[in-house]
């Protein structure tokens, strides 16, 4: 976890709330129903100016906690459906309902109307699909079927005898088949082309929408609002960052005081700079990297010429890492926490086109023991990092373990060990009196009691590779 120039690593088996590193596989990401709802809400607001505020004033991310886990043991908040959200079933709607249901349910030979727990109606379509021109069978819901004509005593002999519906359907099917054959003789090639076009359009229609379909959709010319997302390098030498600094810092203070109840002294410009502008990363432009380069950035969300949210991100060779988000509380009805995360996933996928190795979206820590922090689990597919072997494990496999214990080893191979563990303590790099040296040299020069235990603990936390890249300061 990065905070300014500081990088933290929790001691997982000792902390009260274990924090597991979580990453989303951005290339395979699929939007959930709640994600689509947020994206559509933003599009509706931008294009039409519609505002649908929620009753509670909770953070946008927290409002989607009920969709965190899509598995059997999941924590799920009880969903409440308002009466205004329920559409009554009328005769005008039955045609549309039947079209949705007739392909899905061909199990029963009658129309069943079942009252569901949510208050909506479920309709099971008739087993036999009505022939063209035949009245919709869903009309049985509103109108009682006509009484059949009985033969024998009291029967109306002037009317033709009642024919079985099965025979009528067979006859109509035969007529339709003959008609199709005639059409085939007249214009077989034309018909084949039409069928192919129909199949192609149907297959495209049935394909689920990608996140790009929502994020990069073209808006009407008369859209009520304009939303622009700008990627700005975190550098006072950058003109865009410098010109927007005051507005960005003011928004940060507004957010911190409203959402996290900070005092003005806790979120001044100095605190903002130290927390979200300072970074240990140096900007770098690699030939095979993204056009924006690697480093720390602010992704600014400009609505009608005003910043309403800022996502602080690090762009690295293998991932986009989400550091922090702050937004204008006046626009909390847009669920900017969820919306910005979805935009960052889409951005990661964009960067991948130029930098093939960049394919993950890091969301910081997943804290299962804190209900408000479980929302990160709804971005699927995602993985958690095993705290003992440092192997990525699908979150679906981790959650049952976390139900029983807040600290878990996710790797089920008991023989597996951390391949990057410290092996040679003497190779740890030390900075002593402005001189870089291996720990084996420093140990001989050191005067006083041994500090090997603390160096060993440091090396075990960062691993062999990082211990030889980083400098351990010794006074």
Protein backbone atom coordinates (compact mmCIF):
# COMPACT_ATOMS: atom_id res chain seq x y z
CA UNK A 1 0.00 0.00 0.00
CA UNK A 2 1.36 3.42 -0.98
CA UNK A 3 0.69 6.65 0.87
CA UNK A 4 2.71 9.48 -0.60
CA UNK A 5 6.33 8.38 -0.65
CA UNK A 6 5.71 5.74 2.01
CA UNK A 7 5.02 2.10 1.15
CA UNK A 8 3.40 -0.09 3.79
CA UNK A 9 3.21 -3.84 4.22
CA UNK A 10 1.01 -5.20 7.03
CA UNK A 11 2.14 -8.11 9.18
CA UNK A 12 -0.88 -10.20 8.26
CA UNK A 13 -0.95 -12.73 11.11
CA UNK A 14 -0.61 -10.00 13.75
CA UNK A 15 -2.86 -7.17 12.57
CA UNK A 16 -6.45 -7.01 13.82
CA UNK A 17 -7.85 -6.72 10.29
CA UNK A 18 -5.75 -8.71 7.79
CA UNK A 19 -5.46 -6.87 4.48
CA UNK A 20 -5.08 -9.05 1.41
CA UNK A 21 -3.71 -7.64 -1.82
CA UNK A 22 -6.39 -7.90 -4.51
CA UNK A 23 -6.12 -7.61 -8.26
CA UNK A 24 -8.75 -7.75 -10.99
CA UNK A 25 -8.06 -9.55 -14.26
CA UNK A 26 -9.01 -6.54 -16.36
CA UNK A 27 -8.97 -8.33 -19.72
CA UNK A 28 -11.57 -10.86 -18.54
CA UNK A 29 -13.64 -8.41 -16.51
CA UNK A 30 -17.41 -8.65 -16.85
CA UNK A 31 -19.82 -6.00 -15.65
CA UNK A 32 -22.36 -7.09 -13.07
CA UNK A 33 -25.95 -5.84 -12.89
CA UNK A 34 -25.04 -3.26 -10.26
CA UNK A 35 -22.10 -2.06 -12.40
CA UNK A 36 -24.37 -1.62 -15.42
CA UNK A 37 -26.83 0.27 -13.26
CA UNK A 38 -24.14 2.78 -12.25
CA UNK A 39 -22.89 3.18 -15.83
CA UNK A 40 -26.42 3.70 -17.17
CA UNK A 41 -27.15 6.18 -14.42
CA UNK A 42 -24.14 8.27 -15.43
CA UNK A 43 -25.11 8.13 -19.11
CA UNK A 44 -28.65 9.17 -18.26
CA UNK A 45 -27.40 12.07 -16.18
CA UNK A 46 -25.01 13.32 -18.86
CA UNK A 47 -27.41 12.97 -21.77
CA UNK A 48 -30.71 13.97 -20.14
CA UNK A 49 -29.72 15.57 -16.84
CA UNK A 50 -31.77 13.02 -14.89
CA UNK A 51 -30.90 12.82 -11.22
CA UNK A 52 -31.97 9.81 -9.16
CA UNK A 53 -30.65 10.43 -5.68
CA UNK A 54 -30.54 7.63 -3.13
CA UNK A 55 -32.07 8.12 0.28
CA UNK A 56 -28.96 7.32 2.29
CA UNK A 57 -25.82 9.45 2.33
CA UNK A 58 -23.40 6.52 2.44
CA UNK A 59 -20.33 6.32 0.25
CA UNK A 60 -21.05 5.10 -3.29
CA UNK A 61 -18.81 2.06 -2.94
CA UNK A 62 -20.65 0.97 0.19
CA UNK A 63 -24.01 1.11 -1.56
CA UNK A 64 -23.04 -1.92 -3.66
CA UNK A 65 -21.79 -4.18 -0.89
CA UNK A 66 -24.74 -6.53 -1.34
CA UNK A 67 -23.29 -7.63 -4.69
CA UNK A 68 -19.81 -8.30 -3.33
CA UNK A 69 -19.81 -12.08 -3.50
CA UNK A 70 -21.55 -14.21 -6.10
CA UNK A 71 -21.24 -17.57 -4.37
CA UNK A 72 -23.21 -19.79 -1.97
CA UNK A 73 -21.66 -18.67 1.30
CA UNK A 74 -21.68 -14.98 0.44
CA UNK A 75 -22.69 -12.10 2.66
CA UNK A 76 -25.63 -10.50 0.90
CA UNK A 77 -27.58 -7.53 2.16
CA UNK A 78 -31.33 -7.87 1.99
CA UNK A 79 -32.48 -6.11 -1.16
CA UNK A 80 -35.56 -3.95 -0.90
CA UNK A 81 -37.59 -3.23 -4.01
CA UNK A 82 -39.67 -0.08 -3.87
CA UNK A 83 -43.24 -0.21 -5.09
CA UNK A 84 -42.46 2.37 -7.77
CA UNK A 85 -39.89 0.05 -9.32
CA UNK A 86 -42.44 -2.71 -9.93
CA UNK A 87 -44.21 -2.58 -13.28
CA UNK A 88 -47.79 -3.96 -13.10
CA UNK A 89 -48.58 -6.71 -15.57
CA UNK A 90 -51.28 -5.51 -17.94
CA UNK A 91 -52.68 -6.69 -21.24
CA UNK A 92 -50.40 -4.21 -23.03
CA UNK A 93 -47.31 -5.84 -21.55
CA UNK A 94 -48.21 -9.47 -22.16
CA UNK A 95 -46.91 -9.50 -25.71
CA UNK A 96 -43.47 -8.41 -24.59
CA UNK A 97 -43.47 -10.87 -21.72
CA UNK A 98 -44.35 -13.75 -23.98
CA UNK A 99 -41.56 -12.92 -26.40
CA UNK A 100 -39.08 -13.11 -23.55
CA UNK A 101 -40.47 -16.31 -22.12
CA UNK A 102 -41.41 -18.46 -25.10
CA UNK A 103 -37.80 -19.45 -25.86
CA UNK A 104 -36.92 -19.99 -22.24
CA UNK A 105 -39.72 -22.18 -20.92
CA UNK A 106 -41.02 -25.11 -22.94
CA UNK A 107 -41.57 -27.44 -20.04
CA UNK A 108 -45.26 -27.09 -19.20
CA UNK A 109 -48.32 -27.45 -21.44
CA UNK A 110 -50.25 -24.62 -19.79
CA UNK A 111 -49.85 -21.03 -18.74
CA UNK A 112 -48.87 -20.64 -15.11
CA UNK A 113 -48.83 -17.34 -13.25
CA UNK A 114 -46.81 -17.58 -10.04
CA UNK A 115 -46.50 -14.92 -7.41
CA UNK A 116 -42.82 -14.44 -6.58
CA UNK A 117 -41.31 -13.19 -3.32
CA UNK A 118 -40.30 -9.91 -4.93
CA UNK A 119 -43.89 -9.17 -5.85
CA UNK A 120 -43.39 -9.66 -9.59
CA UNK A 121 -45.10 -12.24 -11.78
CA UNK A 122 -43.44 -15.18 -13.48
CA UNK A 123 -45.08 -16.52 -16.62
CA UNK A 124 -44.31 -19.96 -18.03
CA UNK A 125 -45.11 -19.99 -21.73
CA UNK A 126 -47.21 -22.65 -23.41
CA UNK A 127 -45.39 -25.75 -24.54
CA UNK A 128 -46.37 -25.27 -28.16
CA UNK A 129 -45.33 -21.99 -29.71
CA UNK A 130 -48.28 -20.24 -31.40
CA UNK A 131 -48.27 -20.28 -35.17
CA UNK A 132 -48.06 -17.03 -37.16
CA UNK A 133 -51.33 -15.19 -37.04
CA UNK A 134 -52.54 -17.17 -34.03
CA UNK A 135 -53.59 -15.05 -31.03
CA UNK A 136 -50.99 -14.73 -28.28
CA UNK A 137 -51.46 -17.45 -25.68
CA UNK A 138 -50.60 -15.03 -22.94
CA UNK A 139 -54.01 -13.48 -23.61
CA UNK A 140 -55.36 -16.33 -21.47
CA UNK A 141 -54.26 -14.33 -18.48
CA UNK A 142 -56.76 -11.60 -19.26
CA UNK A 143 -59.46 -13.53 -21.09
CA UNK A 144 -61.02 -16.89 -20.27
CA UNK A 145 -60.74 -19.44 -23.09
CA UNK A 146 -63.94 -20.16 -25.06
CA UNK A 147 -65.91 -23.23 -24.02
CA UNK A 148 -65.47 -26.17 -26.39
CA UNK A 149 -68.39 -27.41 -28.48
CA UNK A 150 -69.50 -30.83 -27.22
CA UNK A 151 -70.75 -33.59 -29.48
CA UNK A 152 -73.76 -35.73 -28.62
CA UNK A 153 -76.94 -34.71 -26.86
CA UNK A 154 -77.49 -30.98 -26.89
CA UNK A 155 -74.63 -30.37 -29.30
CA UNK A 156 -74.86 -27.65 -31.92
CA UNK A 157 -74.77 -29.77 -35.08
CA UNK A 158 -74.85 -26.76 -37.40
CA UNK A 159 -71.25 -25.95 -36.38
CA UNK A 160 -68.34 -28.02 -37.65
CA UNK A 161 -67.00 -30.65 -35.26
CA UNK A 162 -64.26 -29.48 -32.90
CA UNK A 163 -60.77 -30.27 -34.17
CA UNK A 164 -57.85 -30.99 -31.94
CA UNK A 165 -55.36 -28.16 -31.54
CA UNK A 166 -52.58 -30.63 -32.27
CA UNK A 167 -54.02 -31.41 -35.72
CA UNK A 168 -54.43 -27.71 -36.50
CA UNK A 169 -50.81 -27.03 -35.59
CA UNK A 170 -49.59 -29.90 -37.77
CA UNK A 171 -51.63 -28.62 -40.69
CA UNK A 172 -50.30 -25.08 -40.31
CA UNK A 173 -46.74 -26.34 -39.98
CA UNK A 174 -47.16 -28.30 -43.24
CA UNK A 175 -48.57 -25.22 -45.00
CA UNK A 176 -45.67 -23.13 -43.75
CA UNK A 177 -43.19 -25.75 -44.96
CA UNK A 178 -44.71 -25.80 -48.45
CA UNK A 179 -44.70 -22.00 -48.55
CA UNK A 180 -41.03 -21.93 -47.57
CA UNK A 181 -40.17 -24.41 -50.32
CA UNK A 182 -41.92 -22.23 -52.90
CA UNK A 183 -39.98 -19.21 -51.68
CA UNK A 184 -36.79 -21.22 -51.88
CA UNK A 185 -37.43 -22.05 -55.54
CA UNK A 186 -38.20 -18.43 -56.40
CA UNK A 187 -35.24 -16.86 -54.67
CA UNK A 188 -33.13 -19.33 -52.73
CA UNK A 189 -30.02 -17.17 -52.77
CA UNK A 190 -31.89 -14.08 -51.56
CA UNK A 191 -33.50 -16.06 -48.78
CA UNK A 192 -30.15 -17.51 -47.70
CA UNK A 193 -28.66 -14.03 -47.51
CA UNK A 194 -31.58 -12.81 -45.43
CA UNK A 195 -31.28 -15.76 -43.04
CA UNK A 196 -27.55 -15.14 -42.67
CA UNK A 197 -28.10 -11.47 -41.91
CA UNK A 198 -30.80 -12.37 -39.41
CA UNK A 199 -28.55 -14.87 -37.65
CA UNK A 200 -25.66 -12.40 -37.51
CA UNK A 201 -27.83 -9.64 -36.08
CA UNK A 202 -29.31 -12.05 -33.55
CA UNK A 203 -25.90 -13.29 -32.41
CA UNK A 204 -24.68 -9.71 -31.99
CA UNK A 205 -27.79 -8.82 -30.05
CA UNK A 206 -27.34 -11.76 -27.70
CA UNK A 207 -23.72 -10.90 -26.92
CA UNK A 208 -23.31 -9.25 -23.49
CA UNK A 209 -22.19 -5.63 -23.56
CA UNK A 210 -18.60 -4.92 -22.66
CA UNK A 211 -17.53 -2.16 -20.31
CA UNK A 212 -16.39 -0.16 -23.34
CA UNK A 213 -19.95 -0.22 -24.72
CA UNK A 214 -21.03 1.82 -21.71
CA UNK A 215 -17.96 3.98 -21.12
CA UNK A 216 -17.17 5.06 -24.68
CA UNK A 217 -20.70 5.31 -26.08
CA UNK A 218 -21.37 8.34 -28.26
CA UNK A 219 -23.66 10.91 -26.67
CA UNK A 220 -26.37 12.97 -28.41
CA UNK A 221 -25.52 16.46 -29.62
CA UNK A 222 -28.03 17.98 -27.22
CA UNK A 223 -26.57 16.26 -24.14
CA UNK A 224 -27.28 18.21 -20.96
CA UNK A 225 -23.77 17.78 -19.53
CA UNK A 226 -20.23 17.21 -20.70
CA UNK A 227 -17.94 14.77 -18.89
CA UNK A 228 -14.23 14.72 -19.70
CA UNK A 229 -11.62 12.44 -18.09
CA UNK A 230 -8.08 13.83 -18.15
CA UNK A 231 -4.94 11.90 -17.26
CA UNK A 232 -2.48 14.30 -15.62
CA UNK A 233 1.07 13.34 -14.51
CA UNK A 234 1.70 14.12 -10.84
CA UNK A 235 4.39 16.72 -11.37
CA UNK A 236 4.52 20.44 -10.61
CA UNK A 237 6.43 20.80 -13.86
CA UNK A 238 3.37 19.63 -15.79
CA UNK A 239 1.24 22.66 -16.83
CA UNK A 240 -2.08 20.81 -16.52
CA UNK A 241 -1.28 19.52 -13.04
CA UNK A 242 -0.04 22.91 -11.92
CA UNK A 243 -3.04 24.85 -13.26
CA UNK A 244 -5.57 22.47 -11.66
CA UNK A 245 -3.73 22.02 -8.35
CA UNK A 246 -5.74 24.55 -6.31
CA UNK A 247 -9.09 23.24 -7.53
CA UNK A 248 -8.00 19.66 -6.93
CA UNK A 249 -6.70 20.42 -3.42
CA UNK A 250 -9.91 22.28 -2.51
CA UNK A 251 -11.99 19.29 -3.66
CA UNK A 252 -9.81 16.94 -1.58
CA UNK A 253 -10.44 19.03 1.56
CA UNK A 254 -14.19 19.12 0.88
CA UNK A 255 -14.27 15.35 0.46
CA UNK A 256 -12.17 14.58 3.55
CA UNK A 257 -14.24 16.82 5.81
CA UNK A 258 -17.60 15.57 4.52
CA UNK A 259 -16.87 11.87 4.18
CA UNK A 260 -14.09 11.18 6.70
CA UNK A 261 -14.87 14.02 9.15
CA UNK A 262 -11.36 15.49 8.98
CA UNK A 263 -10.67 18.94 10.38
CA UNK A 264 -9.44 21.68 8.01
CA UNK A 265 -5.93 21.32 9.42
CA UNK A 266 -5.94 17.61 8.54
CA UNK A 267 -6.53 18.21 4.84
CA UNK A 268 -4.73 21.39 3.88
CA UNK A 269 -2.54 21.79 0.79
CA UNK A 270 0.55 20.45 2.57
CA UNK A 271 -1.30 17.31 3.69
CA UNK A 272 -2.78 16.89 0.21
CA UNK A 273 0.66 17.17 -1.38
CA UNK A 274 2.29 14.75 1.05
CA UNK A 275 -0.52 12.21 0.77
CA UNK A 276 -1.51 12.24 -2.91
CA UNK A 277 1.09 14.22 -4.87
CA UNK A 278 4.40 12.95 -3.52
CA UNK A 279 5.39 9.59 -4.95
CA UNK A 280 8.42 7.27 -4.81
CA UNK A 281 7.90 6.46 -8.50
CA UNK A 282 9.89 8.23 -11.17
CA UNK A 283 8.27 8.94 -14.51
CA UNK A 284 9.55 6.73 -17.29
CA UNK A 285 8.75 6.37 -20.98
CA UNK A 286 9.62 2.93 -22.30
CA UNK A 287 9.62 2.13 -26.05
CA UNK A 288 7.22 -0.79 -25.53
CA UNK A 289 5.18 0.98 -22.85
CA UNK A 290 2.01 3.09 -23.01
CA UNK A 291 2.11 6.54 -24.61
CA UNK A 292 1.49 8.25 -21.25
CA UNK A 293 4.49 6.46 -19.75
CA UNK A 294 4.87 4.88 -16.32
CA UNK A 295 4.58 6.69 -13.00
CA UNK A 296 1.98 8.36 -10.77
CA UNK A 297 -1.02 10.15 -12.24
CA UNK A 298 -4.23 11.95 -11.32
CA UNK A 299 -7.21 10.94 -13.43
CA UNK A 300 -9.43 14.01 -13.23
CA UNK A 301 -13.17 13.88 -13.94
CA UNK A 302 -14.27 17.23 -15.35
CA UNK A 303 -18.02 17.85 -15.46
CA UNK A 304 -19.03 21.02 -17.33
CA UNK A 305 -15.62 22.57 -16.74
CA UNK A 306 -15.35 21.65 -13.04
CA UNK A 307 -13.45 18.80 -11.34
CA UNK A 308 -15.91 16.54 -9.52
CA UNK A 309 -13.60 13.57 -8.82
CA UNK A 310 -9.94 12.59 -8.94
CA UNK A 311 -8.62 9.04 -9.10
CA UNK A 312 -5.00 8.75 -7.95
CA UNK A 313 -3.36 5.88 -9.85
CA UNK A 314 0.06 4.40 -10.53
CA UNK A 315 0.74 3.05 -14.02
CA UNK A 316 3.27 0.23 -13.81
CA UNK A 317 4.64 -2.29 -16.35
CA UNK A 318 2.15 -4.99 -15.35
CA UNK A 319 -0.78 -3.13 -13.87
CA UNK A 320 -2.71 0.01 -13.07
CA UNK A 321 -2.75 0.42 -9.28
CA UNK A 322 -5.57 2.38 -7.66
CA UNK A 323 -4.16 4.48 -4.81
CA UNK A 324 -7.05 6.74 -3.76
CA UNK A 325 -10.22 8.44 -4.94
CA UNK A 326 -11.80 11.66 -3.74
CA UNK A 327 -14.90 13.31 -5.16
CA UNK A 328 -17.39 16.10 -4.67
CA UNK A 329 -19.97 14.88 -2.11
CA UNK A 330 -22.63 16.90 -3.97
CA UNK A 331 -22.38 14.30 -6.75
CA UNK A 332 -22.46 11.22 -4.56
CA UNK A 333 -25.75 10.21 -6.25
CA UNK A 334 -23.66 9.25 -9.30
CA UNK A 335 -21.82 6.53 -7.33
CA UNK A 336 -18.49 8.00 -8.38
CA UNK A 337 -16.52 5.41 -6.41
CA UNK A 338 -17.92 2.56 -8.49
CA UNK A 339 -17.93 4.58 -11.70
CA UNK A 340 -14.27 5.58 -11.38
CA UNK A 341 -13.23 1.99 -10.68
CA UNK A 342 -15.01 0.85 -13.84
CA UNK A 343 -13.37 3.64 -15.83
CA UNK A 344 -9.96 2.60 -14.48
CA UNK A 345 -10.59 -1.00 -15.54
CA UNK A 346 -11.52 0.20 -19.02
CA UNK A 347 -8.39 2.38 -19.01
CA UNK A 348 -6.25 -0.64 -18.08
CA UNK A 349 -7.66 -2.50 -21.08
CA UNK A 350 -6.83 0.46 -23.29
CA UNK A 351 -3.22 0.55 -22.07
CA UNK A 352 -2.91 -3.19 -22.72
CA UNK A 353 -3.32 -2.59 -26.45
CA UNK A 354 -0.02 -0.70 -26.47
CA UNK A 355 1.71 -2.53 -23.58
CA UNK A 356 0.70 -6.24 -23.76
CA UNK A 357 2.16 -7.08 -20.32
CA UNK A 358 -0.07 -4.47 -18.64
CA UNK A 359 -3.24 -6.44 -17.95
CA UNK A 360 -4.12 -6.21 -14.25
CA UNK A 361 -6.01 -3.67 -12.15
CA UNK A 362 -4.82 -3.54 -8.54
CA UNK A 363 -7.43 -2.36 -6.06
CA UNK A 364 -5.28 -2.11 -2.95
CA UNK A 365 -6.38 -4.34 -0.07
CA UNK A 366 -9.39 -6.60 0.39
CA UNK A 367 -10.44 -6.68 4.05
CA UNK A 368 -12.99 -9.42 4.60
CA UNK A 369 -13.29 -8.74 8.35
CA UNK A 370 -14.52 -5.21 7.54
CA UNK A 371 -17.95 -5.37 5.82
CA UNK A 372 -17.53 -1.92 4.27
CA UNK A 373 -14.38 -3.08 2.48
CA UNK A 374 -15.85 -6.16 0.84
CA UNK A 375 -17.12 -4.21 -2.16
CA UNK A 376 -13.81 -4.85 -3.95
CA UNK A 377 -14.77 -8.50 -4.29
CA UNK A 378 -17.52 -7.64 -6.79
CA UNK A 379 -15.04 -6.82 -9.57
CA UNK A 380 -14.66 -10.25 -11.17
CA UNK A 381 -12.60 -12.19 -11.96
CA UNK A 382 -10.20 -11.21 -9.19
CA UNK A 383 -7.47 -12.86 -7.13
CA UNK A 384 -6.11 -12.53 -3.61
CA UNK A 385 -2.44 -12.91 -2.77
CA UNK A 386 -1.54 -15.74 -0.39
CA UNK A 387 0.25 -14.09 2.57
CA UNK A 388 2.64 -17.03 3.04
CA UNK A 389 3.55 -18.28 -0.44
CA UNK A 390 2.72 -15.12 -2.45
CA UNK A 391 0.75 -17.06 -5.04
CA UNK A 392 -2.36 -15.50 -6.58
CA UNK A 393 -5.54 -17.41 -5.73
CA UNK A 394 -9.04 -16.88 -7.22
CA UNK A 395 -11.19 -15.02 -4.72
CA UNK A 396 -13.90 -17.69 -4.95
CA UNK A 397 -11.49 -20.15 -3.34
CA UNK A 398 -10.41 -17.68 -0.65
CA UNK A 399 -13.78 -16.55 0.67
CA UNK A 400 -14.85 -19.87 2.29
CA UNK A 401 -11.54 -19.87 4.19
CA UNK A 402 -12.02 -16.28 5.33
CA UNK A 403 -15.45 -17.20 6.66
CA UNK A 404 -13.76 -19.44 9.23
CA UNK A 405 -10.68 -17.38 10.00
CA UNK A 406 -9.77 -13.76 9.30
CA UNK A 407 -6.17 -14.78 8.63
CA UNK A 408 -5.68 -17.54 6.06
CA UNK A 409 -3.06 -19.20 3.96
CA UNK A 410 -4.76 -19.52 0.56
CA UNK A 411 -2.30 -21.90 -1.05
CA UNK A 412 -3.58 -25.38 -0.21
CA UNK A 413 -0.29 -27.05 -1.13
CA UNK A 414 1.22 -27.65 2.31
CA UNK A 415 4.66 -28.16 0.79
CA UNK A 416 4.62 -24.85 -1.10
CA UNK A 417 6.92 -22.12 0.17
CA UNK A 418 7.70 -18.54 -0.77
CA UNK A 419 10.04 -18.85 -3.74
CA UNK A 420 11.21 -15.27 -3.26
CA UNK A 421 12.07 -15.66 0.43
CA UNK A 422 15.34 -14.34 1.83
CA UNK A 423 18.17 -16.80 1.29
CA UNK A 424 21.33 -14.75 1.76
CA UNK A 425 21.06 -12.06 4.42
CA UNK A 426 24.57 -10.82 3.67
CA UNK A 427 23.45 -9.55 0.22
CA UNK A 428 20.88 -7.15 1.64
CA UNK A 429 21.82 -3.62 0.50
CA UNK A 430 22.43 -1.09 3.27
CA UNK A 431 22.89 2.67 3.19
CA UNK A 432 25.34 3.69 5.92
CA UNK A 433 27.08 7.09 6.13
CA UNK A 434 26.04 7.89 2.54
CA UNK A 435 27.67 4.71 1.31
CA UNK A 436 25.87 1.74 -0.22
CA UNK A 437 27.18 -1.64 0.89
CA UNK A 438 26.00 -5.22 1.41
CA UNK A 439 24.91 -6.12 4.92
CA UNK A 440 27.85 -8.52 5.28
CA UNK A 441 30.25 -5.54 5.01
CA UNK A 442 28.16 -3.28 7.22
CA UNK A 443 27.95 -6.01 9.88
CA UNK A 444 31.75 -6.06 10.22
CA UNK A 445 32.00 -2.27 10.45
CA UNK A 446 29.12 -1.86 12.88
CA UNK A 447 29.95 -1.01 16.46
CA UNK A 448 27.68 -1.91 19.33
CA UNK A 449 25.04 -4.64 19.72
CA UNK A 450 24.02 -6.73 16.75
CA UNK A 451 20.97 -5.65 14.76
CA UNK A 452 20.76 -8.87 12.75
CA UNK A 453 17.30 -9.75 14.12
CA UNK A 454 15.72 -6.51 12.85
CA UNK A 455 17.50 -6.81 9.48
CA UNK A 456 16.28 -10.40 9.20
CA UNK A 457 12.70 -9.26 9.86
CA UNK A 458 13.01 -6.53 7.22
CA UNK A 459 14.44 -8.95 4.66
CA UNK A 460 11.71 -11.52 5.34
CA UNK A 461 9.06 -8.88 4.61
CA UNK A 462 10.52 -7.55 1.36
CA UNK A 463 12.07 -10.79 0.04
CA UNK A 464 15.45 -11.49 -1.53
CA UNK A 465 14.92 -9.62 -4.81
CA UNK A 466 13.65 -6.38 -3.26
CA UNK A 467 16.24 -6.47 -0.48
CA UNK A 468 18.93 -6.26 -3.17
CA UNK A 469 17.17 -3.43 -5.01
CA UNK A 470 16.16 -1.31 -2.03
CA UNK A 471 18.39 0.40 0.53
CA UNK A 472 18.01 -0.27 4.22
CA UNK A 473 19.05 2.88 6.07
CA UNK A 474 21.35 2.37 9.03
CA UNK A 475 22.55 5.31 11.12
